[in-house]
Amino acid sequence: LAVFDSSPMSTYRVLVEKLDARVKGAWWQGYHNAQVEGLIDQGRRCADDMARAALYAQAYNVMQTDPAWLTLYNPIRITGIAGHHPGFVLGSDAVLDVTQLSQVFDG
């Protein structure tokens, strides 16, 4: 049994490949919502990053009232690092970005 989520680390690609009925990407599972698709289109045409993020957030808010799928589990992710790294925050994607770690030498 393999349990994984191969979602790309791109809001646009998740919205289009998984949720846009007009595209029917590889992971599309039959979801259709014209309001969500309209917000995707507006975001696609928007050059301003903050405005586009707000449009995509609106799309996700619509999907909270009309969910595309039911989440059956939420995996627990454990990440460990050694040393002292003040201010380090693990990203929401749970990928350890070592370029964000301060250099600490023991001894």
PDB file of N, CA and C in Angstrom:
ATOM      1  N   LEU A   1       0.852  -1.180   0.000  1.00  0.00           N
ATOM      2  CA  LEU A   1       0.000   0.000   0.000  1.00  0.00           C
ATOM      3  C   LEU A   1       0.890   1.231   0.000  1.00  0.00           C
ATOM      4  N   ALA A   2       0.689   2.094  -0.947  1.00  0.00           N
ATOM      5  CA  ALA A   2       1.441   3.347  -1.027  1.00  0.00           C
ATOM      6  C   ALA A   2       0.493   4.502  -0.740  1.00  0.00           C
ATOM      7  N   VAL A   3       0.838   5.309   0.229  1.00  0.00           N
ATOM      8  CA  VAL A   3       0.032   6.478   0.568  1.00  0.00           C
ATOM      9  C   VAL A   3       0.924   7.698   0.407  1.00  0.00           C
ATOM     10  N   PHE A   4       0.603   8.549  -0.544  1.00  0.00           N
ATOM     11  CA  PHE A   4       1.412   9.732  -0.775  1.00  0.00           C
ATOM     12  C   PHE A   4       0.559  10.798  -1.447  1.00  0.00           C
ATOM     13  N   ASP A   5       1.043  12.006  -1.404  1.00  0.00           N
ATOM     14  CA  ASP A   5       0.398  13.107  -2.106  1.00  0.00           C
ATOM     15  C   ASP A   5       1.442  13.711  -3.021  1.00  0.00           C
ATOM     16  N   SER A   6       1.215  13.604  -4.294  1.00  0.00           N
ATOM     17  CA  SER A   6       2.195  14.102  -5.261  1.00  0.00           C
ATOM     18  C   SER A   6       1.867  15.516  -5.727  1.00  0.00           C
ATOM     19  N   SER A   7       1.167  16.276  -4.891  1.00  0.00           N
ATOM     20  CA  SER A   7       0.800  17.637  -5.273  1.00  0.00           C
ATOM     21  C   SER A   7       2.034  18.458  -5.608  1.00  0.00           C
ATOM     22  N   PRO A   8       1.988  19.168  -6.724  1.00  0.00           N
ATOM     23  CA  PRO A   8       3.099  20.066  -7.027  1.00  0.00           C
ATOM     24  C   PRO A   8       3.109  21.211  -6.022  1.00  0.00           C
ATOM     25  N   MET A   9       4.282  21.781  -5.773  1.00  0.00           N
ATOM     26  CA  MET A   9       4.364  22.900  -4.831  1.00  0.00           C
ATOM     27  C   MET A   9       4.056  24.198  -5.569  1.00  0.00           C
ATOM     28  N   SER A  10       2.867  24.245  -6.162  1.00  0.00           N
ATOM     29  CA  SER A  10       2.404  25.400  -6.919  1.00  0.00           C
ATOM     30  C   SER A  10       0.896  25.493  -6.748  1.00  0.00           C
ATOM     31  N   THR A  11       0.434  26.582  -6.159  1.00  0.00           N
ATOM     32  CA  THR A  11      -1.005  26.765  -5.978  1.00  0.00           C
ATOM     33  C   THR A  11      -1.726  26.694  -7.310  1.00  0.00           C
ATOM     34  N   TYR A  12      -1.171  27.356  -8.316  1.00  0.00           N
ATOM     35  CA  TYR A  12      -1.796  27.370  -9.636  1.00  0.00           C
ATOM     36  C   TYR A  12      -1.949  25.952 -10.180  1.00  0.00           C
ATOM     37  N   ARG A  13      -0.891  25.149 -10.109  1.00  0.00           N
ATOM     38  CA  ARG A  13      -0.960  23.797 -10.663  1.00  0.00           C
ATOM     39  C   ARG A  13      -1.942  22.924  -9.899  1.00  0.00           C
ATOM     40  N   VAL A  14      -2.017  23.066  -8.573  1.00  0.00           N
ATOM     41  CA  VAL A  14      -2.999  22.299  -7.808  1.00  0.00           C
ATOM     42  C   VAL A  14      -4.402  22.681  -8.249  1.00  0.00           C
ATOM     43  N   LEU A  15      -4.660  23.995  -8.348  1.00  0.00           N
ATOM     44  CA  LEU A  15      -5.990  24.444  -8.756  1.00  0.00           C
ATOM     45  C   LEU A  15      -6.351  23.951 -10.148  1.00  0.00           C
ATOM     46  N   VAL A  16      -5.430  24.059 -11.080  1.00  0.00           N
ATOM     47  CA  VAL A  16      -5.731  23.705 -12.468  1.00  0.00           C
ATOM     48  C   VAL A  16      -5.740  22.192 -12.676  1.00  0.00           C
ATOM     49  N   GLU A  17      -4.692  21.500 -12.225  1.00  0.00           N
ATOM     50  CA  GLU A  17      -4.566  20.076 -12.520  1.00  0.00           C
ATOM     51  C   GLU A  17      -5.512  19.199 -11.708  1.00  0.00           C
ATOM     52  N   LYS A  18      -5.919  19.648 -10.525  1.00  0.00           N
ATOM     53  CA  LYS A  18      -6.781  18.827  -9.685  1.00  0.00           C
ATOM     54  C   LYS A  18      -8.234  19.289  -9.666  1.00  0.00           C
ATOM     55  N   LEU A  19      -8.480  20.585  -9.940  1.00  0.00           N
ATOM     56  CA  LEU A  19      -9.808  21.123  -9.667  1.00  0.00           C
ATOM     57  C   LEU A  19     -10.509  21.778 -10.846  1.00  0.00           C
ATOM     58  N   ASP A  20      -9.833  22.038 -11.936  1.00  0.00           N
ATOM     59  CA  ASP A  20     -10.453  22.726 -13.076  1.00  0.00           C
ATOM     60  C   ASP A  20     -11.034  21.692 -14.043  1.00  0.00           C
ATOM     61  N   ALA A  21     -12.364  21.633 -14.122  1.00  0.00           N
ATOM     62  CA  ALA A  21     -13.036  20.639 -14.972  1.00  0.00           C
ATOM     63  C   ALA A  21     -12.766  20.863 -16.448  1.00  0.00           C
ATOM     64  N   ARG A  22     -12.379  22.081 -16.816  1.00  0.00           N
ATOM     65  CA  ARG A  22     -12.116  22.358 -18.235  1.00  0.00           C
ATOM     66  C   ARG A  22     -10.786  21.774 -18.675  1.00  0.00           C
ATOM     67  N   VAL A  23      -9.878  21.555 -17.730  1.00  0.00           N
ATOM     68  CA  VAL A  23      -8.553  21.019 -18.045  1.00  0.00           C
ATOM     69  C   VAL A  23      -8.537  19.499 -17.883  1.00  0.00           C
ATOM     70  N   LYS A  24      -9.180  19.010 -16.830  1.00  0.00           N
ATOM     71  CA  LYS A  24      -9.217  17.578 -16.526  1.00  0.00           C
ATOM     72  C   LYS A  24      -7.807  16.994 -16.525  1.00  0.00           C
ATOM     73  N   GLY A  25      -6.959  17.563 -15.652  1.00  0.00           N
ATOM     74  CA  GLY A  25      -5.573  17.110 -15.535  1.00  0.00           C
ATOM     75  C   GLY A  25      -5.482  15.686 -15.024  1.00  0.00           C
ATOM     76  N   ALA A  26      -4.264  15.199 -14.887  1.00  0.00           N
ATOM     77  CA  ALA A  26      -4.022  13.806 -14.509  1.00  0.00           C
ATOM     78  C   ALA A  26      -4.650  13.437 -13.164  1.00  0.00           C
ATOM     79  N   TRP A  27      -4.780  14.401 -12.253  1.00  0.00           N
ATOM     80  CA  TRP A  27      -5.321  14.118 -10.926  1.00  0.00           C
ATOM     81  C   TRP A  27      -6.762  14.605 -10.761  1.00  0.00           C
ATOM     82  N   TRP A  28      -7.394  15.068 -11.827  1.00  0.00           N
ATOM     83  CA  TRP A  28      -8.772  15.555 -11.746  1.00  0.00           C
ATOM     84  C   TRP A  28      -9.709  14.387 -11.466  1.00  0.00           C
ATOM     85  N   GLN A  29     -10.637  14.563 -10.537  1.00  0.00           N
ATOM     86  CA  GLN A  29     -11.525  13.467 -10.147  1.00  0.00           C
ATOM     87  C   GLN A  29     -12.998  13.813 -10.326  1.00  0.00           C
ATOM     88  N   GLY A  30     -13.301  14.679 -11.277  1.00  0.00           N
ATOM     89  CA  GLY A  30     -14.692  14.956 -11.592  1.00  0.00           C
ATOM     90  C   GLY A  30     -15.287  16.182 -10.933  1.00  0.00           C
ATOM     91  N   TYR A  31     -14.490  16.970 -10.231  1.00  0.00           N
ATOM     92  CA  TYR A  31     -15.001  18.164  -9.562  1.00  0.00           C
ATOM     93  C   TYR A  31     -15.301  19.243 -10.588  1.00  0.00           C
ATOM     94  N   HIS A  32     -16.423  19.947 -10.394  1.00  0.00           N
ATOM     95  CA  HIS A  32     -16.765  21.069 -11.269  1.00  0.00           C
ATOM     96  C   HIS A  32     -17.453  22.140 -10.434  1.00  0.00           C
ATOM     97  N   ASN A  33     -16.915  23.354 -10.492  1.00  0.00           N
ATOM     98  CA  ASN A  33     -17.512  24.493  -9.817  1.00  0.00           C
ATOM     99  C   ASN A  33     -17.159  25.729 -10.639  1.00  0.00           C
ATOM    100  N   ALA A  34     -18.151  26.300 -11.294  1.00  0.00           N
ATOM    101  CA  ALA A  34     -17.926  27.439 -12.190  1.00  0.00           C
ATOM    102  C   ALA A  34     -17.358  28.645 -11.447  1.00  0.00           C
ATOM    103  N   GLN A  35     -17.762  28.845 -10.189  1.00  0.00           N
ATOM    104  CA  GLN A  35     -17.241  29.982  -9.424  1.00  0.00           C
ATOM    105  C   GLN A  35     -15.741  29.805  -9.163  1.00  0.00           C
ATOM    106  N   VAL A  36     -15.327  28.605  -8.801  1.00  0.00           N
ATOM    107  CA  VAL A  36     -13.901  28.326  -8.579  1.00  0.00           C
ATOM    108  C   VAL A  36     -13.128  28.528  -9.877  1.00  0.00           C
ATOM    109  N   GLU A  37     -13.659  28.023 -10.980  1.00  0.00           N
ATOM    110  CA  GLU A  37     -12.979  28.174 -12.271  1.00  0.00           C
ATOM    111  C   GLU A  37     -12.858  29.643 -12.668  1.00  0.00           C
ATOM    112  N   GLY A  38     -13.876  30.454 -12.360  1.00  0.00           N
ATOM    113  CA  GLY A  38     -13.805  31.888 -12.638  1.00  0.00           C
ATOM    114  C   GLY A  38     -12.702  32.565 -11.837  1.00  0.00           C
ATOM    115  N   LEU A  39     -12.551  32.171 -10.565  1.00  0.00           N
ATOM    116  CA  LEU A  39     -11.485  32.737  -9.733  1.00  0.00           C
ATOM    117  C   LEU A  39     -10.108  32.284 -10.217  1.00  0.00           C
ATOM    118  N   ILE A  40     -10.001  31.037 -10.680  1.00  0.00           N
ATOM    119  CA  ILE A  40      -8.737  30.564 -11.265  1.00  0.00           C
ATOM    120  C   ILE A  40      -8.392  31.417 -12.482  1.00  0.00           C
ATOM    121  N   ASP A  41      -9.379  31.674 -13.329  1.00  0.00           N
ATOM    122  CA  ASP A  41      -9.145  32.493 -14.529  1.00  0.00           C
ATOM    123  C   ASP A  41      -8.700  33.905 -14.168  1.00  0.00           C
ATOM    124  N   GLN A  42      -9.358  34.506 -13.170  1.00  0.00           N
ATOM    125  CA  GLN A  42      -8.966  35.854 -12.749  1.00  0.00           C
ATOM    126  C   GLN A  42      -7.530  35.854 -12.229  1.00  0.00           C
ATOM    127  N   GLY A  43      -7.181  34.840 -11.439  1.00  0.00           N
ATOM    128  CA  GLY A  43      -5.821  34.735 -10.924  1.00  0.00           C
ATOM    129  C   GLY A  43      -4.802  34.536 -12.031  1.00  0.00           C
ATOM    130  N   ARG A  44      -5.172  33.773 -13.034  1.00  0.00           N
ATOM    131  CA  ARG A  44      -4.281  33.513 -14.175  1.00  0.00           C
ATOM    132  C   ARG A  44      -3.941  34.806 -14.910  1.00  0.00           C
ATOM    133  N   ARG A  45      -4.879  35.745 -14.952  1.00  0.00           N
ATOM    134  CA  ARG A  45      -4.672  37.007 -15.675  1.00  0.00           C
ATOM    135  C   ARG A  45      -4.052  38.103 -14.804  1.00  0.00           C
ATOM    136  N   CYS A  46      -3.910  37.847 -13.517  1.00  0.00           N
ATOM    137  CA  CYS A  46      -3.460  38.868 -12.568  1.00  0.00           C
ATOM    138  C   CYS A  46      -1.936  38.839 -12.426  1.00  0.00           C
ATOM    139  N   ALA A  47      -1.291  39.970 -12.690  1.00  0.00           N
ATOM    140  CA  ALA A  47       0.171  40.053 -12.595  1.00  0.00           C
ATOM    141  C   ALA A  47       0.649  40.353 -11.174  1.00  0.00           C
ATOM    142  N   ASP A  48      -0.214  40.914 -10.338  1.00  0.00           N
ATOM    143  CA  ASP A  48       0.163  41.278  -8.976  1.00  0.00           C
ATOM    144  C   ASP A  48       0.085  40.045  -8.062  1.00  0.00           C
ATOM    145  N   ASP A  49       1.215  39.684  -7.442  1.00  0.00           N
ATOM    146  CA  ASP A  49       1.274  38.477  -6.617  1.00  0.00           C
ATOM    147  C   ASP A  49       0.269  38.486  -5.469  1.00  0.00           C
ATOM    148  N   MET A  50       0.148  39.599  -4.767  1.00  0.00           N
ATOM    149  CA  MET A  50      -0.760  39.672  -3.619  1.00  0.00           C
ATOM    150  C   MET A  50      -2.221  39.571  -4.052  1.00  0.00           C
ATOM    151  N   ALA A  51      -2.560  40.247  -5.137  1.00  0.00           N
ATOM    152  CA  ALA A  51      -3.934  40.184  -5.639  1.00  0.00           C
ATOM    153  C   ALA A  51      -4.263  38.773  -6.122  1.00  0.00           C
ATOM    154  N   ARG A  52      -3.294  38.128  -6.782  1.00  0.00           N
ATOM    155  CA  ARG A  52      -3.506  36.754  -7.265  1.00  0.00           C
ATOM    156  C   ARG A  52      -3.678  35.801  -6.080  1.00  0.00           C
ATOM    157  N   ALA A  53      -2.864  35.985  -5.047  1.00  0.00           N
ATOM    158  CA  ALA A  53      -2.988  35.146  -3.851  1.00  0.00           C
ATOM    159  C   ALA A  53      -4.366  35.312  -3.212  1.00  0.00           C
ATOM    160  N   ALA A  54      -4.880  36.539  -3.206  1.00  0.00           N
ATOM    161  CA  ALA A  54      -6.213  36.788  -2.647  1.00  0.00           C
ATOM    162  C   ALA A  54      -7.294  36.086  -3.469  1.00  0.00           C
ATOM    163  N   LEU A  55      -7.145  36.080  -4.791  1.00  0.00           N
ATOM    164  CA  LEU A  55      -8.112  35.388  -5.652  1.00  0.00           C
ATOM    165  C   LEU A  55      -8.075  33.878  -5.411  1.00  0.00           C
ATOM    166  N   TYR A  56      -6.872  33.325  -5.300  1.00  0.00           N
ATOM    167  CA  TYR A  56      -6.753  31.888  -5.047  1.00  0.00           C
ATOM    168  C   TYR A  56      -7.290  31.544  -3.655  1.00  0.00           C
ATOM    169  N   ALA A  57      -7.098  32.436  -2.685  1.00  0.00           N
ATOM    170  CA  ALA A  57      -7.658  32.221  -1.349  1.00  0.00           C
ATOM    171  C   ALA A  57      -9.182  32.208  -1.412  1.00  0.00           C
ATOM    172  N   GLN A  58      -9.756  33.083  -2.234  1.00  0.00           N
ATOM    173  CA  GLN A  58     -11.211  33.079  -2.425  1.00  0.00           C
ATOM    174  C   GLN A  58     -11.668  31.750  -3.010  1.00  0.00           C
ATOM    175  N   ALA A  59     -10.906  31.225  -3.971  1.00  0.00           N
ATOM    176  CA  ALA A  59     -11.251  29.931  -4.573  1.00  0.00           C
ATOM    177  C   ALA A  59     -11.254  28.841  -3.503  1.00  0.00           C
ATOM    178  N   TYR A  60     -10.237  28.846  -2.644  1.00  0.00           N
ATOM    179  CA  TYR A  60     -10.182  27.843  -1.579  1.00  0.00           C
ATOM    180  C   TYR A  60     -11.326  28.031  -0.583  1.00  0.00           C
ATOM    181  N   ASN A  61     -11.721  29.274  -0.315  1.00  0.00           N
ATOM    182  CA  ASN A  61     -12.862  29.514   0.570  1.00  0.00           C
ATOM    183  C   ASN A  61     -14.147  28.958  -0.025  1.00  0.00           C
ATOM    184  N   VAL A  62     -14.339  29.125  -1.326  1.00  0.00           N
ATOM    185  CA  VAL A  62     -15.517  28.556  -1.995  1.00  0.00           C
ATOM    186  C   VAL A  62     -15.497  27.036  -1.853  1.00  0.00           C
ATOM    187  N   MET A  63     -14.314  26.448  -2.022  1.00  0.00           N
ATOM    188  CA  MET A  63     -14.211  24.984  -1.938  1.00  0.00           C
ATOM    189  C   MET A  63     -14.439  24.457  -0.524  1.00  0.00           C
ATOM    190  N   GLN A  64     -14.317  25.306   0.491  1.00  0.00           N
ATOM    191  CA  GLN A  64     -14.635  24.862   1.849  1.00  0.00           C
ATOM    192  C   GLN A  64     -16.130  24.610   2.000  1.00  0.00           C
ATOM    193  N   THR A  65     -16.945  25.336   1.247  1.00  0.00           N
ATOM    194  CA  THR A  65     -18.392  25.114   1.304  1.00  0.00           C
ATOM    195  C   THR A  65     -18.850  24.084   0.276  1.00  0.00           C
ATOM    196  N   ASP A  66     -18.012  23.813  -0.716  1.00  0.00           N
ATOM    197  CA  ASP A  66     -18.299  22.816  -1.755  1.00  0.00           C
ATOM    198  C   ASP A  66     -17.025  21.994  -1.961  1.00  0.00           C
ATOM    199  N   PRO A  67     -16.693  21.125  -0.999  1.00  0.00           N
ATOM    200  CA  PRO A  67     -15.398  20.442  -1.055  1.00  0.00           C
ATOM    201  C   PRO A  67     -15.256  19.524  -2.261  1.00  0.00           C
ATOM    202  N   ALA A  68     -14.048  19.551  -2.826  1.00  0.00           N
ATOM    203  CA  ALA A  68     -13.753  18.715  -3.992  1.00  0.00           C
ATOM    204  C   ALA A  68     -13.578  17.257  -3.587  1.00  0.00           C
ATOM    205  N   TRP A  69     -13.121  17.012  -2.386  1.00  0.00           N
ATOM    206  CA  TRP A  69     -12.945  15.656  -1.886  1.00  0.00           C
ATOM    207  C   TRP A  69     -12.967  15.686  -0.373  1.00  0.00           C
ATOM    208  N   LEU A  70     -13.084  14.531   0.221  1.00  0.00           N
ATOM    209  CA  LEU A  70     -13.116  14.397   1.667  1.00  0.00           C
ATOM    210  C   LEU A  70     -11.743  13.940   2.137  1.00  0.00           C
ATOM    211  N   THR A  71     -11.131  14.692   3.029  1.00  0.00           N
ATOM    212  CA  THR A  71      -9.833  14.318   3.574  1.00  0.00           C
ATOM    213  C   THR A  71     -10.044  13.231   4.619  1.00  0.00           C
ATOM    214  N   LEU A  72      -9.447  12.078   4.382  1.00  0.00           N
ATOM    215  CA  LEU A  72      -9.637  10.946   5.276  1.00  0.00           C
ATOM    216  C   LEU A  72      -8.568  10.845   6.350  1.00  0.00           C
ATOM    217  N   TYR A  73      -7.444  11.495   6.146  1.00  0.00           N
ATOM    218  CA  TYR A  73      -6.373  11.436   7.127  1.00  0.00           C
ATOM    219  C   TYR A  73      -5.487  12.661   6.973  1.00  0.00           C
ATOM    220  N   ASN A  74      -4.704  12.904   7.994  1.00  0.00           N
ATOM    221  CA  ASN A  74      -3.710  13.971   7.968  1.00  0.00           C
ATOM    222  C   ASN A  74      -2.425  13.372   8.523  1.00  0.00           C
ATOM    223  N   PRO A  75      -1.446  13.083   7.672  1.00  0.00           N
ATOM    224  CA  PRO A  75      -0.245  12.404   8.159  1.00  0.00           C
ATOM    225  C   PRO A  75       0.548  13.276   9.130  1.00  0.00           C
ATOM    226  N   ILE A  76       1.158  12.634  10.104  1.00  0.00           N
ATOM    227  CA  ILE A  76       2.042  13.326  11.038  1.00  0.00           C
ATOM    228  C   ILE A  76       3.439  13.280  10.440  1.00  0.00           C
ATOM    229  N   ARG A  77       4.058  14.430  10.320  1.00  0.00           N
ATOM    230  CA  ARG A  77       5.409  14.500   9.771  1.00  0.00           C
ATOM    231  C   ARG A  77       6.369  14.886  10.886  1.00  0.00           C
ATOM    232  N   ILE A  78       7.460  14.168  10.968  1.00  0.00           N
ATOM    233  CA  ILE A  78       8.470  14.450  11.980  1.00  0.00           C
ATOM    234  C   ILE A  78       9.767  14.804  11.267  1.00  0.00           C
ATOM    235  N   THR A  79      10.341  15.931  11.634  1.00  0.00           N
ATOM    236  CA  THR A  79      11.609  16.370  11.056  1.00  0.00           C
ATOM    237  C   THR A  79      12.541  16.727  12.200  1.00  0.00           C
ATOM    238  N   GLY A  80      13.787  16.299  12.111  1.00  0.00           N
ATOM    239  CA  GLY A  80      14.752  16.602  13.160  1.00  0.00           C
ATOM    240  C   GLY A  80      15.981  17.294  12.600  1.00  0.00           C
ATOM    241  N   ILE A  81      16.517  18.225  13.371  1.00  0.00           N
ATOM    242  CA  ILE A  81      17.773  18.886  13.010  1.00  0.00           C
ATOM    243  C   ILE A  81      18.625  18.982  14.268  1.00  0.00           C
ATOM    244  N   ALA A  82      19.925  18.932  14.088  1.00  0.00           N
ATOM    245  CA  ALA A  82      20.847  19.038  15.217  1.00  0.00           C
ATOM    246  C   ALA A  82      21.435  20.440  15.260  1.00  0.00           C
ATOM    247  N   GLY A  83      21.837  20.850  16.435  1.00  0.00           N
ATOM    248  CA  GLY A  83      22.456  22.159  16.574  1.00  0.00           C
ATOM    249  C   GLY A  83      21.460  23.206  17.038  1.00  0.00           C
ATOM    250  N   HIS A  84      21.942  24.414  17.168  1.00  0.00           N
ATOM    251  CA  HIS A  84      21.125  25.540  17.630  1.00  0.00           C
ATOM    252  C   HIS A  84      20.787  26.412  16.424  1.00  0.00           C
ATOM    253  N   HIS A  85      19.517  26.564  16.137  1.00  0.00           N
ATOM    254  CA  HIS A  85      19.071  27.321  14.964  1.00  0.00           C
ATOM    255  C   HIS A  85      17.973  28.300  15.378  1.00  0.00           C
ATOM    256  N   PRO A  86      18.357  29.403  16.007  1.00  0.00           N
ATOM    257  CA  PRO A  86      17.354  30.363  16.481  1.00  0.00           C
ATOM    258  C   PRO A  86      16.541  30.927  15.320  1.00  0.00           C
ATOM    259  N   GLY A  87      15.256  30.997  15.537  1.00  0.00           N
ATOM    260  CA  GLY A  87      14.382  31.583  14.530  1.00  0.00           C
ATOM    261  C   GLY A  87      13.997  30.653  13.397  1.00  0.00           C
ATOM    262  N   PHE A  88      14.497  29.415  13.404  1.00  0.00           N
ATOM    263  CA  PHE A  88      14.161  28.494  12.321  1.00  0.00           C
ATOM    264  C   PHE A  88      12.693  28.097  12.410  1.00  0.00           C
ATOM    265  N   VAL A  89      12.004  28.126  11.285  1.00  0.00           N
ATOM    266  CA  VAL A  89      10.616  27.697  11.198  1.00  0.00           C
ATOM    267  C   VAL A  89      10.506  26.711  10.044  1.00  0.00           C
ATOM    268  N   LEU A  90       9.947  25.540  10.313  1.00  0.00           N
ATOM    269  CA  LEU A  90       9.726  24.552   9.263  1.00  0.00           C
ATOM    270  C   LEU A  90       8.571  25.017   8.391  1.00  0.00           C
ATOM    271  N   GLY A  91       8.753  25.013   7.078  1.00  0.00           N
ATOM    272  CA  GLY A  91       7.722  25.464   6.151  1.00  0.00           C
ATOM    273  C   GLY A  91       6.489  24.581   6.177  1.00  0.00           C
ATOM    274  N   SER A  92       5.385  25.082   5.687  1.00  0.00           N
ATOM    275  CA  SER A  92       4.130  24.336   5.693  1.00  0.00           C
ATOM    276  C   SER A  92       4.189  23.086   4.826  1.00  0.00           C
ATOM    277  N   ASP A  93       5.153  23.027   3.904  1.00  0.00           N
ATOM    278  CA  ASP A  93       5.296  21.834   3.068  1.00  0.00           C
ATOM    279  C   ASP A  93       6.128  20.754   3.757  1.00  0.00           C
ATOM    280  N   ALA A  94       6.631  21.032   4.963  1.00  0.00           N
ATOM    281  CA  ALA A  94       7.425  20.104   5.772  1.00  0.00           C
ATOM    282  C   ALA A  94       8.719  19.679   5.097  1.00  0.00           C
ATOM    283  N   VAL A  95       9.188  20.463   4.151  1.00  0.00           N
ATOM    284  CA  VAL A  95      10.463  20.190   3.496  1.00  0.00           C
ATOM    285  C   VAL A  95      11.534  21.002   4.219  1.00  0.00           C
ATOM    286  N   LEU A  96      12.565  20.325   4.697  1.00  0.00           N
ATOM    287  CA  LEU A  96      13.640  20.986   5.423  1.00  0.00           C
ATOM    288  C   LEU A  96      14.544  21.719   4.440  1.00  0.00           C
ATOM    289  N   ASP A  97      14.549  23.047   4.501  1.00  0.00           N
ATOM    290  CA  ASP A  97      15.376  23.878   3.625  1.00  0.00           C
ATOM    291  C   ASP A  97      16.643  24.241   4.390  1.00  0.00           C
ATOM    292  N   VAL A  98      17.718  23.495   4.140  1.00  0.00           N
ATOM    293  CA  VAL A  98      18.949  23.698   4.903  1.00  0.00           C
ATOM    294  C   VAL A  98      19.596  25.049   4.636  1.00  0.00           C
ATOM    295  N   THR A  99      19.233  25.711   3.554  1.00  0.00           N
ATOM    296  CA  THR A  99      19.795  27.040   3.298  1.00  0.00           C
ATOM    297  C   THR A  99      19.269  28.064   4.299  1.00  0.00           C
ATOM    298  N   GLN A 100      18.184  27.732   5.002  1.00  0.00           N
ATOM    299  CA  GLN A 100      17.607  28.640   5.989  1.00  0.00           C
ATOM    300  C   GLN A 100      18.185  28.431   7.389  1.00  0.00           C
ATOM    301  N   LEU A 101      19.069  27.446   7.546  1.00  0.00           N
ATOM    302  CA  LEU A 101      19.653  27.162   8.854  1.00  0.00           C
ATOM    303  C   LEU A 101      20.888  28.017   9.084  1.00  0.00           C
ATOM    304  N   SER A 102      21.044  28.477  10.315  1.00  0.00           N
ATOM    305  CA  SER A 102      22.266  29.207  10.654  1.00  0.00           C
ATOM    306  C   SER A 102      23.391  28.191  10.828  1.00  0.00           C
ATOM    307  N   GLN A 103      24.628  28.623  10.589  1.00  0.00           N
ATOM    308  CA  GLN A 103      25.767  27.721  10.762  1.00  0.00           C
ATOM    309  C   GLN A 103      26.153  27.688  12.232  1.00  0.00           C
ATOM    310  N   VAL A 104      26.139  26.510  12.809  1.00  0.00           N
ATOM    311  CA  VAL A 104      26.519  26.331  14.202  1.00  0.00           C
ATOM    312  C   VAL A 104      27.519  25.186  14.250  1.00  0.00           C
ATOM    313  N   PHE A 105      28.650  25.435  14.890  1.00  0.00           N
ATOM    314  CA  PHE A 105      29.687  24.408  15.004  1.00  0.00           C
ATOM    315  C   PHE A 105      29.795  23.993  16.460  1.00  0.00           C
ATOM    316  N   ASP A 106      29.746  22.713  16.706  1.00  0.00           N
ATOM    317  CA  ASP A 106      29.883  22.183  18.063  1.00  0.00           C
ATOM    318  C   ASP A 106      31.359  21.961  18.363  1.00  0.00           C
ATOM    319  N   GLY A 107      31.874  22.681  19.347  1.00  0.00           N
ATOM    320  CA  GLY A 107      33.226  22.459  19.820  1.00  0.00           C
ATOM    321  C   GLY A 107      34.232  23.143  19.026  1.00  0.00           C
TER     322      GLY A 107
END
